[in-house]
Amino acid sequence: MIGIPIAAVLALLTLIVLHQFSDSTDLKPILGQWTAAENGWRINFHSDKSVEIGAGAGSLVQGSFFPNIDGMVAVKMKDGKGYIAYFRDVTPDQFDLTDKETGHVIVFKRAPP
């Protein structure tokens, strides 16, 4: 008797997690180039879910990003660094990038076209 409710809960949780990281998440609002005034970094989100972060062409680090339906984007870089980006509807041309290791937050704004 106990096994059936537990299996149902696990199935529901699996569906929720799969939905949050599905390909149905709209990437359009985050794609493109963004810049940070604080340190001169730029970040470029691509439609294939690849990303580049750095201060200039020679210092760009490649990585991948993983959006969910709540406006949070996990960013994993090939150099081992990890970030969380928070996108909000109230500030569509700005987002906060948080370093997972240090907790440091950098504000990025959409780069002019």
Protein backbone atom coordinates (compact mmCIF):
# COMPACT_ATOMS: atom_id res chain seq x y z
CA MET A 1 0.00 0.00 0.00
CA ILE A 2 2.76 2.48 0.88
CA GLY A 3 4.70 1.76 -2.33
CA ILE A 4 1.98 3.08 -4.65
CA PRO A 5 1.80 6.63 -3.18
CA ILE A 6 5.60 6.86 -3.07
CA ALA A 7 5.88 5.77 -6.70
CA ALA A 8 3.23 8.33 -7.68
CA VAL A 9 5.08 11.14 -5.88
CA LEU A 10 8.39 10.15 -7.49
CA ALA A 11 6.77 10.07 -10.93
CA LEU A 12 5.25 13.52 -10.36
CA LEU A 13 8.58 14.97 -9.18
CA THR A 14 10.32 13.52 -12.24
CA LEU A 15 7.76 15.17 -14.53
CA ILE A 16 8.22 18.52 -12.78
CA VAL A 17 12.01 18.39 -13.11
CA LEU A 18 11.84 17.32 -16.75
CA HIS A 19 9.38 20.11 -17.52
CA GLN A 20 11.60 22.74 -15.89
CA PHE A 21 14.57 21.79 -18.03
CA SER A 22 12.75 20.94 -21.22
CA ASP A 23 13.41 22.44 -24.63
CA SER A 24 10.06 24.25 -24.41
CA THR A 25 11.61 27.05 -22.34
CA ASP A 26 11.60 30.26 -24.39
CA LEU A 27 15.23 31.29 -24.89
CA LYS A 28 14.55 34.44 -26.95
CA PRO A 29 14.57 36.88 -24.00
CA ILE A 30 18.08 35.86 -22.93
CA LEU A 31 19.82 35.25 -26.26
CA GLY A 32 22.46 37.67 -27.45
CA GLN A 33 25.22 39.72 -25.92
CA TRP A 34 25.15 41.31 -22.47
CA THR A 35 27.79 43.48 -20.76
CA ALA A 36 28.75 44.26 -17.16
CA ALA A 37 29.92 47.78 -16.29
CA GLU A 38 31.50 46.52 -13.04
CA ASN A 39 34.31 44.51 -14.62
CA GLY A 40 34.01 44.91 -18.41
CA TRP A 41 32.85 41.32 -18.89
CA ARG A 42 30.57 40.32 -21.67
CA ILE A 43 28.42 37.23 -21.90
CA ASN A 44 26.87 35.85 -25.05
CA PHE A 45 24.00 33.33 -24.91
CA HIS A 46 23.49 31.27 -28.11
CA SER A 47 20.36 29.42 -29.26
CA ASP A 48 22.20 26.06 -29.06
CA LYS A 49 22.50 26.68 -25.28
CA SER A 50 26.21 27.44 -25.49
CA VAL A 51 27.61 30.52 -23.77
CA GLU A 52 30.81 32.58 -23.74
CA ILE A 53 31.95 34.72 -20.84
CA GLY A 54 35.01 36.97 -20.62
CA ALA A 55 36.51 40.42 -20.91
CA GLY A 56 37.72 40.17 -24.50
CA ALA A 57 38.17 37.91 -27.50
CA GLY A 58 41.32 36.27 -26.10
CA SER A 59 39.84 35.66 -22.64
CA LEU A 60 36.46 34.17 -23.55
CA VAL A 61 35.59 30.93 -21.78
CA GLN A 62 33.11 28.54 -23.38
CA GLY A 63 30.31 26.78 -21.56
CA SER A 64 26.66 25.76 -21.57
CA PHE A 65 23.51 27.11 -19.99
CA PHE A 66 20.42 25.36 -18.71
CA PRO A 67 17.25 27.47 -18.34
CA ASN A 68 14.20 26.61 -16.26
CA ILE A 69 10.69 28.02 -16.31
CA ASP A 70 11.23 30.32 -13.33
CA GLY A 71 13.70 32.73 -14.98
CA MET A 72 16.73 31.05 -13.46
CA VAL A 73 19.52 29.87 -15.74
CA ALA A 74 22.33 27.59 -14.57
CA VAL A 75 25.63 28.29 -16.35
CA LYS A 76 28.44 25.72 -16.38
CA MET A 77 31.75 26.77 -17.87
CA LYS A 78 34.39 24.48 -19.35
CA ASP A 79 36.94 25.88 -16.87
CA GLY A 80 34.85 24.44 -14.01
CA LYS A 81 33.21 27.69 -12.88
CA GLY A 82 29.49 27.74 -12.27
CA TYR A 83 27.02 30.61 -12.21
CA ILE A 84 23.32 31.21 -11.73
CA ALA A 85 21.67 33.91 -13.83
CA TYR A 86 18.38 35.42 -12.69
CA PHE A 87 16.15 36.90 -15.38
CA ARG A 88 13.08 38.89 -14.29
CA ASP A 89 10.15 40.23 -16.29
CA VAL A 90 10.37 43.60 -14.51
CA THR A 91 13.94 44.16 -15.78
CA PRO A 92 14.00 42.50 -19.23
CA ASP A 93 17.23 44.24 -20.28
CA GLN A 94 19.18 43.37 -17.14
CA PHE A 95 20.02 40.24 -15.14
CA ASP A 96 22.09 39.25 -12.12
CA LEU A 97 24.85 36.66 -12.51
CA THR A 98 25.85 34.97 -9.25
CA ASP A 99 29.12 33.07 -8.88
CA LYS A 100 28.17 29.72 -7.31
CA GLU A 101 31.48 29.46 -5.44
CA THR A 102 31.82 32.96 -3.99
CA GLY A 103 28.26 34.29 -4.12
CA HIS A 104 29.50 37.45 -5.84
CA VAL A 105 26.80 39.09 -8.00
CA ILE A 106 27.52 40.92 -11.25
CA VAL A 107 24.80 42.93 -12.99
CA PHE A 108 24.65 42.53 -16.78
CA LYS A 109 22.73 44.74 -19.19
CA ARG A 110 21.74 43.94 -22.75
CA ALA A 111 24.39 45.20 -25.16
CA PRO A 112 23.18 47.74 -27.72
CA PRO A 113 22.60 46.23 -31.19
